[in-house]
Amino acid sequence: MWKQFLDLLRQIFRLTDDTQANARKIKELQEQIEALTRTVNHLGYGLQHLEERERHEREKLEMRLEIDRLRAERALPPVRKKSQKKNLKPAANKEPDEE
């Protein structure tokens, strides 16, 4: 009878240790899951940002293509280079001795 009682106590202590070890492992796994969740969320936000940036780039490219098409059709004047813009003066700003 004492032997059965001691075996039962050993089993209770072993199960208590196993339960505590399992609780620690569960806590570690929960922390890992939380870290993975944060990482996945971060990647999702990055992907959304990338998609938005790519959409804006496509829109800009479409606008450039439309402008080039309109210039080719002569609907818009040709682009002036920066050096041409600096050398051009409006007619109203001419000095009287130039006339």
Protein backbone atom coordinates (compact mmCIF):
# COMPACT_ATOMS: atom_id res chain seq x y z
CA MET A 1 0.00 0.00 0.00
CA TRP A 2 2.83 2.41 0.82
CA LYS A 3 4.42 1.50 -2.47
CA GLN A 4 1.25 2.43 -4.36
CA PHE A 5 1.02 5.67 -2.41
CA LEU A 6 4.65 6.58 -3.22
CA ASP A 7 4.14 5.68 -6.90
CA LEU A 8 1.08 7.90 -6.97
CA LEU A 9 3.04 10.81 -5.40
CA ARG A 10 5.88 10.36 -7.93
CA GLN A 11 3.38 10.34 -10.75
CA ILE A 12 1.75 13.54 -9.40
CA PHE A 13 5.15 15.28 -9.16
CA ARG A 14 6.11 14.10 -12.66
CA LEU A 15 2.79 15.31 -14.09
CA THR A 16 3.22 18.64 -12.28
CA ASP A 17 6.70 19.07 -13.80
CA ASP A 18 5.39 18.08 -17.24
CA THR A 19 2.51 20.54 -16.92
CA GLN A 20 4.87 23.37 -15.97
CA ALA A 21 7.21 22.50 -18.86
CA ASN A 22 4.25 22.44 -21.25
CA ALA A 23 3.06 25.81 -19.94
CA ARG A 24 6.52 27.31 -20.62
CA LYS A 25 6.59 25.82 -24.12
CA ILE A 26 3.10 27.14 -24.84
CA LYS A 27 4.15 30.61 -23.72
CA GLU A 28 7.25 30.47 -25.97
CA LEU A 29 5.14 29.33 -28.90
CA GLN A 30 2.65 32.14 -28.31
CA GLU A 31 5.50 34.66 -28.33
CA GLN A 32 6.82 33.18 -31.57
CA ILE A 33 3.35 33.37 -33.11
CA GLU A 34 3.03 37.01 -32.05
CA ALA A 35 6.44 37.80 -33.58
CA LEU A 36 5.46 36.04 -36.80
CA THR A 37 2.16 37.92 -36.86
CA ARG A 38 3.97 41.25 -36.49
CA THR A 39 6.36 40.27 -39.28
CA VAL A 40 3.53 39.25 -41.60
CA ASN A 41 1.67 42.50 -40.85
CA HIS A 42 4.83 44.49 -41.55
CA LEU A 43 5.30 42.67 -44.85
CA GLY A 44 1.65 43.31 -45.72
CA TYR A 45 2.03 47.05 -45.11
CA GLY A 46 5.21 47.06 -47.18
CA LEU A 47 3.43 45.28 -50.00
CA GLN A 48 0.55 47.78 -49.90
CA HIS A 49 3.02 50.66 -50.02
CA LEU A 50 4.87 49.06 -52.93
CA GLU A 51 1.63 48.48 -54.85
CA GLU A 52 0.57 52.10 -54.30
CA ARG A 53 3.96 53.40 -55.43
CA GLU A 54 3.85 51.18 -58.53
CA ARG A 55 0.34 52.44 -59.32
CA HIS A 56 1.55 56.04 -59.11
CA GLU A 57 4.50 55.22 -61.37
CA ARG A 58 2.16 53.64 -63.93
CA GLU A 59 -0.06 56.73 -63.83
CA LYS A 60 2.94 59.00 -64.39
CA LEU A 61 4.10 56.83 -67.27
CA GLU A 62 0.62 56.96 -68.83
CA MET A 63 0.65 60.76 -68.55
CA ARG A 64 4.09 60.98 -70.16
CA LEU A 65 2.97 58.73 -73.00
CA GLU A 66 -0.15 60.83 -73.51
CA ILE A 67 1.93 64.02 -73.57
CA ASP A 68 4.33 62.49 -76.09
CA ARG A 69 1.41 61.37 -78.23
CA LEU A 70 -0.12 64.84 -78.17
CA ARG A 71 3.22 66.44 -79.04
CA ALA A 72 3.57 64.04 -81.94
CA GLU A 73 0.16 65.17 -83.17
CA ARG A 74 1.27 68.79 -82.73
CA ALA A 75 -1.49 69.41 -80.23
CA LEU A 76 1.10 70.70 -77.77
CA PRO A 77 4.14 72.89 -78.48
CA PRO A 78 7.55 71.19 -78.33
CA VAL A 79 9.40 71.16 -75.03
CA ARG A 80 11.86 74.02 -74.54
CA LYS A 81 15.19 73.27 -73.00
CA LYS A 82 16.25 75.19 -69.89
CA SER A 83 18.85 77.23 -71.79
CA GLN A 84 16.20 78.40 -74.25
CA LYS A 85 13.89 79.49 -71.43
CA LYS A 86 16.60 81.66 -69.84
CA ASN A 87 17.44 83.47 -73.11
CA LEU A 88 13.85 84.29 -73.98
CA LYS A 89 12.48 87.66 -72.76
CA PRO A 90 8.87 88.73 -73.08
CA ALA A 91 8.23 91.43 -75.72
CA ALA A 92 6.75 93.81 -73.14
CA ASN A 93 10.02 93.88 -71.20
CA LYS A 94 12.14 95.20 -74.11
CA GLU A 95 13.99 98.42 -73.43
CA PRO A 96 13.09 101.48 -75.58
CA ASP A 97 16.51 101.78 -77.25
CA GLU A 98 16.17 98.27 -78.70
CA GLU A 99 13.28 99.29 -80.96
